[in-house]
Every structure is written in C-alpha cells, then in structure tokens.
Amino acid sequence: PLEEHVQQDFIQLVREVQSIVTYLEQAIRELKRVLASSFSKRERKKEEKEIVRVETVESEIDKLTVKLGKWTYSRKHDYNVLDLIFFNDLVLIFAEIGDKAENLAEMIRSFTR
C-alpha cells in the first residue's frame, strides 16, 4: 500500500479535479447567460469569476501533480516499478483533465471579452 500522506495527496488531487469540472460546468452555464444577455458587463463579470476559480484550482492540481511525481521518482527502488508507472500515469491523467479544463476556460474568456 501507498504511504498515508501519498494516499491523502492523491485523494486531494481527485477532489481538486472534481472541483475544476464543477467550476467549468458553472462557467459554461454562465457563458450561456452571457450570450443570452448580449454580452452584458454584469454577466461577463460573473463569467470571469468562474474562470478565475478554474485557474486557481488548476494551479493546485499542478502543485499536487509535481509533489506526487517527485514522490514516485524518489521511491523507484522501494516499490514495484510497474506499480509506480501505473500510479504516475493515473496522476498525469488527472493533471491532464485539469489542463484541459483550464484551456477551455481560457477559450471562454477570450470569447466573452
């Protein structure tokens, strides 16, 4: 089994990814409101708030990804290599979800400006 702190970091990574998806969904709902309001300033401000939330969470995802990656590399002699590769791949998949969410949020921002 993984060390307790690594398990906690991984669970936190999963939670952050869940959060970023939720915030992105809210940003998409706000985009619909921006379009329906003919790009009103008030609705664009709401949209910007959701995009900032996505960016903030993505930054946390990046930090956790680096932390877990460093741990994985530091334990290459202590664990089965295939298990570490699988774990690292899983971490990178979650990181990619965060990156894609941030990219989409940035596209929405550029569209609503």
PDB file of N, CA and C in Angstrom:
ATOM      1  N   PRO A   1       0.822  -1.207   0.000  1.00  0.00           N
ATOM      2  CA  PRO A   1       0.000   0.000   0.000  1.00  0.00           C
ATOM      3  C   PRO A   1       0.868   1.273   0.000  1.00  0.00           C
ATOM      4  N   LEU A   2       0.265   2.327  -0.485  1.00  0.00           N
ATOM      5  CA  LEU A   2       0.963   3.617  -0.515  1.00  0.00           C
ATOM      6  C   LEU A   2       1.028   4.226   0.874  1.00  0.00           C
ATOM      7  N   GLU A   3       2.024   5.060   1.073  1.00  0.00           N
ATOM      8  CA  GLU A   3       2.154   5.773   2.347  1.00  0.00           C
ATOM      9  C   GLU A   3       0.923   6.661   2.540  1.00  0.00           C
ATOM     10  N   GLU A   4       0.558   6.858   3.802  1.00  0.00           N
ATOM     11  CA  GLU A   4      -0.667   7.594   4.141  1.00  0.00           C
ATOM     12  C   GLU A   4      -0.694   8.995   3.516  1.00  0.00           C
ATOM     13  N   HIS A   5       0.416   9.717   3.605  1.00  0.00           N
ATOM     14  CA  HIS A   5       0.430  11.089   3.067  1.00  0.00           C
ATOM     15  C   HIS A   5       0.286  11.083   1.540  1.00  0.00           C
ATOM     16  N   VAL A   6       0.780  10.059   0.888  1.00  0.00           N
ATOM     17  CA  VAL A   6       0.631   9.966  -0.573  1.00  0.00           C
ATOM     18  C   VAL A   6      -0.815   9.662  -0.926  1.00  0.00           C
ATOM     19  N   GLN A   7      -1.432   8.782  -0.157  1.00  0.00           N
ATOM     20  CA  GLN A   7      -2.846   8.496  -0.369  1.00  0.00           C
ATOM     21  C   GLN A   7      -3.676   9.769  -0.207  1.00  0.00           C
ATOM     22  N   GLN A   8      -3.368  10.535   0.828  1.00  0.00           N
ATOM     23  CA  GLN A   8      -4.106  11.781   1.070  1.00  0.00           C
ATOM     24  C   GLN A   8      -3.888  12.792  -0.057  1.00  0.00           C
ATOM     25  N   ASP A   9      -2.660  12.901  -0.532  1.00  0.00           N
ATOM     26  CA  ASP A   9      -2.375  13.811  -1.649  1.00  0.00           C
ATOM     27  C   ASP A   9      -3.117  13.372  -2.911  1.00  0.00           C
ATOM     28  N   PHE A  10      -3.153  12.069  -3.151  1.00  0.00           N
ATOM     29  CA  PHE A  10      -3.849  11.570  -4.337  1.00  0.00           C
ATOM     30  C   PHE A  10      -5.354  11.822  -4.225  1.00  0.00           C
ATOM     31  N   ILE A  11      -5.909  11.578  -3.056  1.00  0.00           N
ATOM     32  CA  ILE A  11      -7.333  11.851  -2.842  1.00  0.00           C
ATOM     33  C   ILE A  11      -7.614  13.338  -3.025  1.00  0.00           C
ATOM     34  N   GLN A  12      -6.708  14.181  -2.536  1.00  0.00           N
ATOM     35  CA  GLN A  12      -6.878  15.631  -2.723  1.00  0.00           C
ATOM     36  C   GLN A  12      -6.817  15.988  -4.204  1.00  0.00           C
ATOM     37  N   LEU A  13      -5.934  15.347  -4.951  1.00  0.00           N
ATOM     38  CA  LEU A  13      -5.860  15.568  -6.393  1.00  0.00           C
ATOM     39  C   LEU A  13      -7.189  15.235  -7.053  1.00  0.00           C
ATOM     40  N   VAL A  14      -7.762  14.099  -6.695  1.00  0.00           N
ATOM     41  CA  VAL A  14      -9.054  13.696  -7.259  1.00  0.00           C
ATOM     42  C   VAL A  14     -10.128  14.720  -6.903  1.00  0.00           C
ATOM     43  N   ARG A  15     -10.129  15.181  -5.667  1.00  0.00           N
ATOM     44  CA  ARG A  15     -11.123  16.193  -5.249  1.00  0.00           C
ATOM     45  C   ARG A  15     -10.959  17.496  -6.025  1.00  0.00           C
ATOM     46  N   GLU A  16      -9.715  17.894  -6.228  1.00  0.00           N
ATOM     47  CA  GLU A  16      -9.463  19.128  -6.984  1.00  0.00           C
ATOM     48  C   GLU A  16      -9.955  18.986  -8.433  1.00  0.00           C
ATOM     49  N   VAL A  17      -9.754  17.820  -9.013  1.00  0.00           N
ATOM     50  CA  VAL A  17     -10.231  17.592 -10.377  1.00  0.00           C
ATOM     51  C   VAL A  17     -11.755  17.624 -10.409  1.00  0.00           C
ATOM     52  N   GLN A  18     -12.388  17.047  -9.417  1.00  0.00           N
ATOM     53  CA  GLN A  18     -13.848  17.121  -9.343  1.00  0.00           C
ATOM     54  C   GLN A  18     -14.305  18.576  -9.240  1.00  0.00           C
ATOM     55  N   SER A  19     -13.594  19.360  -8.441  1.00  0.00           N
ATOM     56  CA  SER A  19     -13.934  20.780  -8.279  1.00  0.00           C
ATOM     57  C   SER A  19     -13.774  21.541  -9.583  1.00  0.00           C
ATOM     58  N   ILE A  20     -12.682  21.290 -10.294  1.00  0.00           N
ATOM     59  CA  ILE A  20     -12.442  22.043 -11.525  1.00  0.00           C
ATOM     60  C   ILE A  20     -13.505  21.730 -12.565  1.00  0.00           C
ATOM     61  N   VAL A  21     -13.956  20.491 -12.601  1.00  0.00           N
ATOM     62  CA  VAL A  21     -15.017  20.124 -13.534  1.00  0.00           C
ATOM     63  C   VAL A  21     -16.318  20.840 -13.152  1.00  0.00           C
ATOM     64  N   THR A  22     -16.601  20.901 -11.868  1.00  0.00           N
ATOM     65  CA  THR A  22     -17.801  21.608 -11.401  1.00  0.00           C
ATOM     66  C   THR A  22     -17.735  23.088 -11.762  1.00  0.00           C
ATOM     67  N   TYR A  23     -16.580  23.710 -11.519  1.00  0.00           N
ATOM     68  CA  TYR A  23     -16.421  25.128 -11.843  1.00  0.00           C
ATOM     69  C   TYR A  23     -16.499  25.374 -13.344  1.00  0.00           C
ATOM     70  N   LEU A  24     -15.968  24.461 -14.121  1.00  0.00           N
ATOM     71  CA  LEU A  24     -16.050  24.595 -15.571  1.00  0.00           C
ATOM     72  C   LEU A  24     -17.497  24.477 -16.038  1.00  0.00           C
ATOM     73  N   GLU A  25     -18.244  23.561 -15.451  1.00  0.00           N
ATOM     74  CA  GLU A  25     -19.666  23.440 -15.790  1.00  0.00           C
ATOM     75  C   GLU A  25     -20.394  24.741 -15.482  1.00  0.00           C
ATOM     76  N   GLN A  26     -20.059  25.343 -14.325  1.00  0.00           N
ATOM     77  CA  GLN A  26     -20.670  26.623 -13.973  1.00  0.00           C
ATOM     78  C   GLN A  26     -20.247  27.713 -14.964  1.00  0.00           C
ATOM     79  N   ALA A  27     -19.010  27.687 -15.392  1.00  0.00           N
ATOM     80  CA  ALA A  27     -18.540  28.676 -16.374  1.00  0.00           C
ATOM     81  C   ALA A  27     -19.303  28.522 -17.689  1.00  0.00           C
ATOM     82  N   ILE A  28     -19.603  27.299 -18.057  1.00  0.00           N
ATOM     83  CA  ILE A  28     -20.371  27.064 -19.289  1.00  0.00           C
ATOM     84  C   ILE A  28     -21.795  27.585 -19.123  1.00  0.00           C
ATOM     85  N   ARG A  29     -22.388  27.366 -17.950  1.00  0.00           N
ATOM     86  CA  ARG A  29     -23.735  27.922 -17.698  1.00  0.00           C
ATOM     87  C   ARG A  29     -23.699  29.443 -17.766  1.00  0.00           C
ATOM     88  N   GLU A  30     -22.641  30.025 -17.188  1.00  0.00           N
ATOM     89  CA  GLU A  30     -22.511  31.489 -17.241  1.00  0.00           C
ATOM     90  C   GLU A  30     -22.314  31.968 -18.680  1.00  0.00           C
ATOM     91  N   LEU A  31     -21.608  31.207 -19.478  1.00  0.00           N
ATOM     92  CA  LEU A  31     -21.420  31.571 -20.883  1.00  0.00           C
ATOM     93  C   LEU A  31     -22.771  31.666 -21.579  1.00  0.00           C
ATOM     94  N   LYS A  32     -23.646  30.729 -21.300  1.00  0.00           N
ATOM     95  CA  LYS A  32     -24.988  30.779 -21.886  1.00  0.00           C
ATOM     96  C   LYS A  32     -25.709  32.066 -21.473  1.00  0.00           C
ATOM     97  N   ARG A  33     -25.540  32.462 -20.206  1.00  0.00           N
ATOM     98  CA  ARG A  33     -26.170  33.700 -19.736  1.00  0.00           C
ATOM     99  C   ARG A  33     -25.549  34.924 -20.406  1.00  0.00           C
ATOM    100  N   VAL A  34     -24.234  34.883 -20.597  1.00  0.00           N
ATOM    101  CA  VAL A  34     -23.547  35.993 -21.280  1.00  0.00           C
ATOM    102  C   VAL A  34     -24.109  36.145 -22.693  1.00  0.00           C
ATOM    103  N   LEU A  35     -24.233  35.040 -23.374  1.00  0.00           N
ATOM    104  CA  LEU A  35     -24.770  35.091 -24.740  1.00  0.00           C
ATOM    105  C   LEU A  35     -26.219  35.573 -24.749  1.00  0.00           C
ATOM    106  N   ALA A  36     -27.024  35.079 -23.816  1.00  0.00           N
ATOM    107  CA  ALA A  36     -28.437  35.471 -23.762  1.00  0.00           C
ATOM    108  C   ALA A  36     -28.603  36.942 -23.407  1.00  0.00           C
ATOM    109  N   SER A  37     -27.637  37.495 -22.678  1.00  0.00           N
ATOM    110  CA  SER A  37     -27.718  38.903 -22.262  1.00  0.00           C
ATOM    111  C   SER A  37     -27.031  39.839 -23.265  1.00  0.00           C
ATOM    112  N   SER A  38     -26.645  39.307 -24.397  1.00  0.00           N
ATOM    113  CA  SER A  38     -25.920  40.088 -25.405  1.00  0.00           C
ATOM    114  C   SER A  38     -24.628  40.678 -24.825  1.00  0.00           C
ATOM    115  N   PHE A  39     -23.921  39.853 -24.082  1.00  0.00           N
ATOM    116  CA  PHE A  39     -22.619  40.209 -23.526  1.00  0.00           C
ATOM    117  C   PHE A  39     -22.680  41.363 -22.525  1.00  0.00           C
ATOM    118  N   SER A  40     -23.691  41.346 -21.667  1.00  0.00           N
ATOM    119  CA  SER A  40     -23.790  42.403 -20.657  1.00  0.00           C
ATOM    120  C   SER A  40     -22.584  42.338 -19.720  1.00  0.00           C
ATOM    121  N   LYS A  41     -22.182  43.504 -19.259  1.00  0.00           N
ATOM    122  CA  LYS A  41     -20.998  43.607 -18.401  1.00  0.00           C
ATOM    123  C   LYS A  41     -21.194  42.796 -17.117  1.00  0.00           C
ATOM    124  N   ARG A  42     -22.375  42.852 -16.559  1.00  0.00           N
ATOM    125  CA  ARG A  42     -22.671  42.124 -15.316  1.00  0.00           C
ATOM    126  C   ARG A  42     -22.489  40.622 -15.495  1.00  0.00           C
ATOM    127  N   GLU A  43     -23.004  40.097 -16.581  1.00  0.00           N
ATOM    128  CA  GLU A  43     -22.887  38.655 -16.831  1.00  0.00           C
ATOM    129  C   GLU A  43     -21.451  38.265 -17.161  1.00  0.00           C
ATOM    130  N   ARG A  44     -20.740  39.127 -17.839  1.00  0.00           N
ATOM    131  CA  ARG A  44     -19.332  38.830 -18.136  1.00  0.00           C
ATOM    132  C   ARG A  44     -18.492  38.791 -16.866  1.00  0.00           C
ATOM    133  N   LYS A  45     -18.821  39.635 -15.885  1.00  0.00           N
ATOM    134  CA  LYS A  45     -18.106  39.616 -14.608  1.00  0.00           C
ATOM    135  C   LYS A  45     -18.345  38.295 -13.876  1.00  0.00           C
ATOM    136  N   LYS A  46     -19.574  37.816 -13.918  1.00  0.00           N
ATOM    137  CA  LYS A  46     -19.880  36.513 -13.309  1.00  0.00           C
ATOM    138  C   LYS A  46     -19.091  35.406 -14.002  1.00  0.00           C
ATOM    139  N   GLU A  47     -19.035  35.511 -15.304  1.00  0.00           N
ATOM    140  CA  GLU A  47     -18.277  34.527 -16.092  1.00  0.00           C
ATOM    141  C   GLU A  47     -16.804  34.549 -15.713  1.00  0.00           C
ATOM    142  N   GLU A  48     -16.246  35.727 -15.574  1.00  0.00           N
ATOM    143  CA  GLU A  48     -14.835  35.870 -15.220  1.00  0.00           C
ATOM    144  C   GLU A  48     -14.550  35.250 -13.855  1.00  0.00           C
ATOM    145  N   LYS A  49     -15.479  35.415 -12.930  1.00  0.00           N
ATOM    146  CA  LYS A  49     -15.308  34.838 -11.596  1.00  0.00           C
ATOM    147  C   LYS A  49     -15.164  33.320 -11.670  1.00  0.00           C
ATOM    148  N   GLU A  50     -15.955  32.677 -12.489  1.00  0.00           N
ATOM    149  CA  GLU A  50     -15.867  31.216 -12.626  1.00  0.00           C
ATOM    150  C   GLU A  50     -14.554  30.802 -13.287  1.00  0.00           C
ATOM    151  N   ILE A  51     -14.115  31.575 -14.240  1.00  0.00           N
ATOM    152  CA  ILE A  51     -12.862  31.255 -14.927  1.00  0.00           C
ATOM    153  C   ILE A  51     -11.682  31.382 -13.967  1.00  0.00           C
ATOM    154  N   VAL A  52     -11.694  32.385 -13.114  1.00  0.00           N
ATOM    155  CA  VAL A  52     -10.635  32.551 -12.119  1.00  0.00           C
ATOM    156  C   VAL A  52     -10.632  31.362 -11.162  1.00  0.00           C
ATOM    157  N   ARG A  53     -11.817  30.876 -10.799  1.00  0.00           N
ATOM    158  CA  ARG A  53     -11.896  29.703  -9.925  1.00  0.00           C
ATOM    159  C   ARG A  53     -11.253  28.488 -10.603  1.00  0.00           C
ATOM    160  N   VAL A  54     -11.520  28.310 -11.887  1.00  0.00           N
ATOM    161  CA  VAL A  54     -10.926  27.196 -12.630  1.00  0.00           C
ATOM    162  C   VAL A  54      -9.410  27.319 -12.613  1.00  0.00           C
ATOM    163  N   GLU A  55      -8.909  28.509 -12.876  1.00  0.00           N
ATOM    164  CA  GLU A  55      -7.454  28.716 -12.912  1.00  0.00           C
ATOM    165  C   GLU A  55      -6.811  28.465 -11.552  1.00  0.00           C
ATOM    166  N   THR A  56      -7.474  28.878 -10.497  1.00  0.00           N
ATOM    167  CA  THR A  56      -6.947  28.677  -9.152  1.00  0.00           C
ATOM    168  C   THR A  56      -6.844  27.197  -8.813  1.00  0.00           C
ATOM    169  N   VAL A  57      -7.896  26.460  -9.129  1.00  0.00           N
ATOM    170  CA  VAL A  57      -7.887  25.024  -8.845  1.00  0.00           C
ATOM    171  C   VAL A  57      -6.850  24.319  -9.711  1.00  0.00           C
ATOM    172  N   GLU A  58      -6.706  24.738 -10.955  1.00  0.00           N
ATOM    173  CA  GLU A  58      -5.734  24.100 -11.838  1.00  0.00           C
ATOM    174  C   GLU A  58      -4.315  24.293 -11.301  1.00  0.00           C
ATOM    175  N   SER A  59      -4.065  25.417 -10.699  1.00  0.00           N
ATOM    176  CA  SER A  59      -2.764  25.664 -10.086  1.00  0.00           C
ATOM    177  C   SER A  59      -2.516  24.676  -8.938  1.00  0.00           C
ATOM    178  N   GLU A  60      -3.526  24.410  -8.156  1.00  0.00           N
ATOM    179  CA  GLU A  60      -3.412  23.434  -7.066  1.00  0.00           C
ATOM    180  C   GLU A  60      -3.199  22.023  -7.618  1.00  0.00           C
ATOM    181  N   ILE A  61      -3.873  21.714  -8.710  1.00  0.00           N
ATOM    182  CA  ILE A  61      -3.689  20.409  -9.357  1.00  0.00           C
ATOM    183  C   ILE A  61      -2.242  20.261  -9.810  1.00  0.00           C
ATOM    184  N   ASP A  62      -1.695  21.311 -10.393  1.00  0.00           N
ATOM    185  CA  ASP A  62      -0.289  21.270 -10.825  1.00  0.00           C
ATOM    186  C   ASP A  62       0.656  21.023  -9.651  1.00  0.00           C
ATOM    187  N   LYS A  63       0.412  21.693  -8.534  1.00  0.00           N
ATOM    188  CA  LYS A  63       1.271  21.524  -7.356  1.00  0.00           C
ATOM    189  C   LYS A  63       1.211  20.083  -6.843  1.00  0.00           C
ATOM    190  N   LEU A  64       0.003  19.543  -6.765  1.00  0.00           N
ATOM    191  CA  LEU A  64      -0.143  18.162  -6.298  1.00  0.00           C
ATOM    192  C   LEU A  64       0.503  17.176  -7.268  1.00  0.00           C
ATOM    193  N   THR A  65       0.372  17.451  -8.558  1.00  0.00           N
ATOM    194  CA  THR A  65       0.966  16.575  -9.570  1.00  0.00           C
ATOM    195  C   THR A  65       2.480  16.534  -9.429  1.00  0.00           C
ATOM    196  N   VAL A  66       3.090  17.680  -9.241  1.00  0.00           N
ATOM    197  CA  VAL A  66       4.544  17.745  -9.069  1.00  0.00           C
ATOM    198  C   VAL A  66       4.951  17.025  -7.787  1.00  0.00           C
ATOM    199  N   LYS A  67       4.223  17.259  -6.715  1.00  0.00           N
ATOM    200  CA  LYS A  67       4.525  16.622  -5.439  1.00  0.00           C
ATOM    201  C   LYS A  67       4.448  15.097  -5.553  1.00  0.00           C
ATOM    202  N   LEU A  68       3.383  14.610  -6.181  1.00  0.00           N
ATOM    203  CA  LEU A  68       3.229  13.161  -6.343  1.00  0.00           C
ATOM    204  C   LEU A  68       4.270  12.589  -7.305  1.00  0.00           C
ATOM    205  N   GLY A  69       4.620  13.354  -8.324  1.00  0.00           N
ATOM    206  CA  GLY A  69       5.650  12.911  -9.259  1.00  0.00           C
ATOM    207  C   GLY A  69       7.009  12.786  -8.585  1.00  0.00           C
ATOM    208  N   LYS A  70       7.337  13.753  -7.742  1.00  0.00           N
ATOM    209  CA  LYS A  70       8.600  13.695  -7.003  1.00  0.00           C
ATOM    210  C   LYS A  70       8.617  12.486  -6.074  1.00  0.00           C
ATOM    211  N   TRP A  71       7.497  12.252  -5.397  1.00  0.00           N
ATOM    212  CA  TRP A  71       7.431  11.094  -4.520  1.00  0.00           C
ATOM    213  C   TRP A  71       7.637   9.803  -5.317  1.00  0.00           C
ATOM    214  N   THR A  72       6.950   9.696  -6.454  1.00  0.00           N
ATOM    215  CA  THR A  72       7.060   8.497  -7.285  1.00  0.00           C
ATOM    216  C   THR A  72       8.509   8.247  -7.685  1.00  0.00           C
ATOM    217  N   TYR A  73       9.178   9.294  -8.132  1.00  0.00           N
ATOM    218  CA  TYR A  73      10.569   9.150  -8.554  1.00  0.00           C
ATOM    219  C   TYR A  73      11.465   8.771  -7.378  1.00  0.00           C
ATOM    220  N   SER A  74      11.203   9.345  -6.226  1.00  0.00           N
ATOM    221  CA  SER A  74      12.053   9.080  -5.055  1.00  0.00           C
ATOM    222  C   SER A  74      11.881   7.666  -4.509  1.00  0.00           C
ATOM    223  N   ARG A  75      10.810   6.992  -4.900  1.00  0.00           N
ATOM    224  CA  ARG A  75      10.539   5.649  -4.381  1.00  0.00           C
ATOM    225  C   ARG A  75      10.771   4.555  -5.423  1.00  0.00           C
ATOM    226  N   LYS A  76      11.517   4.880  -6.458  1.00  0.00           N
ATOM    227  CA  LYS A  76      11.708   3.924  -7.556  1.00  0.00           C
ATOM    228  C   LYS A  76      12.405   2.640  -7.120  1.00  0.00           C
ATOM    229  N   HIS A  77      13.122   2.689  -6.004  1.00  0.00           N
ATOM    230  CA  HIS A  77      13.806   1.483  -5.524  1.00  0.00           C
ATOM    231  C   HIS A  77      13.007   0.764  -4.428  1.00  0.00           C
ATOM    232  N   ASP A  78      11.945   1.403  -3.961  1.00  0.00           N
ATOM    233  CA  ASP A  78      11.183   0.848  -2.834  1.00  0.00           C
ATOM    234  C   ASP A  78       9.902   0.125  -3.254  1.00  0.00           C
ATOM    235  N   TYR A  79       9.408   0.434  -4.455  1.00  0.00           N
ATOM    236  CA  TYR A  79       8.153  -0.146  -4.926  1.00  0.00           C
ATOM    237  C   TYR A  79       8.375  -0.846  -6.261  1.00  0.00           C
ATOM    238  N   ASN A  80       7.443  -1.667  -6.630  1.00  0.00           N
ATOM    239  CA  ASN A  80       7.454  -2.304  -7.939  1.00  0.00           C
ATOM    240  C   ASN A  80       7.382  -1.211  -9.007  1.00  0.00           C
ATOM    241  N   VAL A  81       8.279  -1.266  -9.951  1.00  0.00           N
ATOM    242  CA  VAL A  81       8.365  -0.233 -10.977  1.00  0.00           C
ATOM    243  C   VAL A  81       7.052  -0.110 -11.767  1.00  0.00           C
ATOM    244  N   LEU A  82       6.446  -1.222 -12.106  1.00  0.00           N
ATOM    245  CA  LEU A  82       5.185  -1.178 -12.859  1.00  0.00           C
ATOM    246  C   LEU A  82       4.081  -0.504 -12.050  1.00  0.00           C
ATOM    247  N   ASP A  83       4.057  -0.753 -10.759  1.00  0.00           N
ATOM    248  CA  ASP A  83       3.067  -0.082  -9.907  1.00  0.00           C
ATOM    249  C   ASP A  83       3.295   1.428  -9.898  1.00  0.00           C
ATOM    250  N   LEU A  84       4.558   1.833  -9.825  1.00  0.00           N
ATOM    251  CA  LEU A  84       4.866   3.265  -9.840  1.00  0.00           C
ATOM    252  C   LEU A  84       4.510   3.898 -11.181  1.00  0.00           C
ATOM    253  N   ILE A  85       4.773   3.186 -12.266  1.00  0.00           N
ATOM    254  CA  ILE A  85       4.416   3.706 -13.594  1.00  0.00           C
ATOM    255  C   ILE A  85       2.910   3.870 -13.702  1.00  0.00           C
ATOM    256  N   PHE A  86       2.175   2.866 -13.252  1.00  0.00           N
ATOM    257  CA  PHE A  86       0.713   2.945 -13.289  1.00  0.00           C
ATOM    258  C   PHE A  86       0.213   4.118 -12.446  1.00  0.00           C
ATOM    259  N   PHE A  87       0.752   4.249 -11.232  1.00  0.00           N
ATOM    260  CA  PHE A  87       0.352   5.344 -10.348  1.00  0.00           C
ATOM    261  C   PHE A  87       0.660   6.694 -10.982  1.00  0.00           C
ATOM    262  N   ASN A  88       1.850   6.833 -11.522  1.00  0.00           N
ATOM    263  CA  ASN A  88       2.235   8.094 -12.150  1.00  0.00           C
ATOM    264  C   ASN A  88       1.350   8.407 -13.362  1.00  0.00           C
ATOM    265  N   ASP A  89       1.035   7.393 -14.152  1.00  0.00           N
ATOM    266  CA  ASP A  89       0.145   7.600 -15.301  1.00  0.00           C
ATOM    267  C   ASP A  89      -1.232   8.073 -14.849  1.00  0.00           C
ATOM    268  N   LEU A  90      -1.720   7.504 -13.767  1.00  0.00           N
ATOM    269  CA  LEU A  90      -3.012   7.907 -13.227  1.00  0.00           C
ATOM    270  C   LEU A  90      -2.981   9.371 -12.780  1.00  0.00           C
ATOM    271  N   VAL A  91      -1.915   9.747 -12.096  1.00  0.00           N
ATOM    272  CA  VAL A  91      -1.748  11.136 -11.660  1.00  0.00           C
ATOM    273  C   VAL A  91      -1.730  12.059 -12.885  1.00  0.00           C
ATOM    274  N   LEU A  92      -1.010  11.664 -13.923  1.00  0.00           N
ATOM    275  CA  LEU A  92      -0.904  12.504 -15.124  1.00  0.00           C
ATOM    276  C   LEU A  92      -2.235  12.626 -15.859  1.00  0.00           C
ATOM    277  N   ILE A  93      -3.043  11.591 -15.834  1.00  0.00           N
ATOM    278  CA  ILE A  93      -4.377  11.673 -16.454  1.00  0.00           C
ATOM    279  C   ILE A  93      -5.221  12.712 -15.733  1.00  0.00           C
ATOM    280  N   PHE A  94      -5.193  12.686 -14.402  1.00  0.00           N
ATOM    281  CA  PHE A  94      -5.943  13.702 -13.650  1.00  0.00           C
ATOM    282  C   PHE A  94      -5.387  15.099 -13.918  1.00  0.00           C
ATOM    283  N   ALA A  95      -4.084  15.224 -14.020  1.00  0.00           N
ATOM    284  CA  ALA A  95      -3.476  16.519 -14.328  1.00  0.00           C
ATOM    285  C   ALA A  95      -3.920  17.014 -15.701  1.00  0.00           C
ATOM    286  N   GLU A  96      -4.023  16.097 -16.647  1.00  0.00           N
ATOM    287  CA  GLU A  96      -4.449  16.477 -17.994  1.00  0.00           C
ATOM    288  C   GLU A  96      -5.897  16.975 -18.006  1.00  0.00           C
ATOM    289  N   ILE A  97      -6.739  16.364 -17.195  1.00  0.00           N
ATOM    290  CA  ILE A  97      -8.118  16.852 -17.084  1.00  0.00           C
ATOM    291  C   ILE A  97      -8.110  18.299 -16.604  1.00  0.00           C
ATOM    292  N   GLY A  98      -7.280  18.584 -15.605  1.00  0.00           N
ATOM    293  CA  GLY A  98      -7.162  19.954 -15.108  1.00  0.00           C
ATOM    294  C   GLY A  98      -6.658  20.910 -16.172  1.00  0.00           C
ATOM    295  N   ASP A  99      -5.662  20.487 -16.934  1.00  0.00           N
ATOM    296  CA  ASP A  99      -5.118  21.328 -18.012  1.00  0.00           C
ATOM    297  C   ASP A  99      -6.170  21.614 -19.077  1.00  0.00           C
ATOM    298  N   LYS A 100      -6.911  20.580 -19.465  1.00  0.00           N
ATOM    299  CA  LYS A 100      -7.944  20.764 -20.499  1.00  0.00           C
ATOM    300  C   LYS A 100      -9.042  21.692 -20.001  1.00  0.00           C
ATOM    301  N   ALA A 101      -9.404  21.566 -18.726  1.00  0.00           N
ATOM    302  CA  ALA A 101     -10.423  22.449 -18.158  1.00  0.00           C
ATOM    303  C   ALA A 101      -9.947  23.899 -18.169  1.00  0.00           C
ATOM    304  N   GLU A 102      -8.695  24.108 -17.804  1.00  0.00           N
ATOM    305  CA  GLU A 102      -8.155  25.470 -17.820  1.00  0.00           C
ATOM    306  C   GLU A 102      -8.100  26.012 -19.249  1.00  0.00           C
ATOM    307  N   ASN A 103      -7.698  25.192 -20.200  1.00  0.00           N
ATOM    308  CA  ASN A 103      -7.651  25.630 -21.596  1.00  0.00           C
ATOM    309  C   ASN A 103      -9.028  26.050 -22.091  1.00  0.00           C
ATOM    310  N   LEU A 104     -10.042  25.255 -21.757  1.00  0.00           N
ATOM    311  CA  LEU A 104     -11.393  25.601 -22.177  1.00  0.00           C
ATOM    312  C   LEU A 104     -11.854  26.887 -21.504  1.00  0.00           C
ATOM    313  N   ALA A 105     -11.532  27.047 -20.223  1.00  0.00           N
ATOM    314  CA  ALA A 105     -11.899  28.275 -19.524  1.00  0.00           C
ATOM    315  C   ALA A 105     -11.244  29.497 -20.180  1.00  0.00           C
ATOM    316  N   GLU A 106      -9.998  29.357 -20.582  1.00  0.00           N
ATOM    317  CA  GLU A 106      -9.316  30.460 -21.264  1.00  0.00           C
ATOM    318  C   GLU A 106      -9.953  30.772 -22.618  1.00  0.00           C
ATOM    319  N   MET A 107     -10.403  29.747 -23.316  1.00  0.00           N
ATOM    320  CA  MET A 107     -11.097  29.974 -24.592  1.00  0.00           C
ATOM    321  C   MET A 107     -12.408  30.719 -24.360  1.00  0.00           C
ATOM    322  N   ILE A 108     -13.118  30.323 -23.314  1.00  0.00           N
ATOM    323  CA  ILE A 108     -14.374  31.010 -22.977  1.00  0.00           C
ATOM    324  C   ILE A 108     -14.078  32.464 -22.648  1.00  0.00           C
ATOM    325  N   ARG A 109     -13.022  32.708 -21.873  1.00  0.00           N
ATOM    326  CA  ARG A 109     -12.653  34.086 -21.514  1.00  0.00           C
ATOM    327  C   ARG A 109     -12.362  34.918 -22.766  1.00  0.00           C
ATOM    328  N   SER A 110     -11.589  34.359 -23.675  1.00  0.00           N
ATOM    329  CA  SER A 110     -11.242  35.124 -24.887  1.00  0.00           C
ATOM    330  C   SER A 110     -12.488  35.400 -25.733  1.00  0.00           C
ATOM    331  N   PHE A 111     -13.441  34.513 -25.685  1.00  0.00           N
ATOM    332  CA  PHE A 111     -14.685  34.701 -26.456  1.00  0.00           C
ATOM    333  C   PHE A 111     -15.577  35.766 -25.848  1.00  0.00           C
ATOM    334  N   THR A 112     -15.581  35.870 -24.515  1.00  0.00           N
ATOM    335  CA  THR A 112     -16.513  36.789 -23.861  1.00  0.00           C
ATOM    336  C   THR A 112     -15.929  38.170 -23.604  1.00  0.00           C
ATOM    337  N   ARG A 113     -14.695  38.392 -23.968  1.00  0.00           N
ATOM    338  CA  ARG A 113     -14.107  39.725 -23.770  1.00  0.00           C
ATOM    339  C   ARG A 113     -14.535  40.677 -24.832  1.00  0.00           C
TER     340      ARG A 113
END
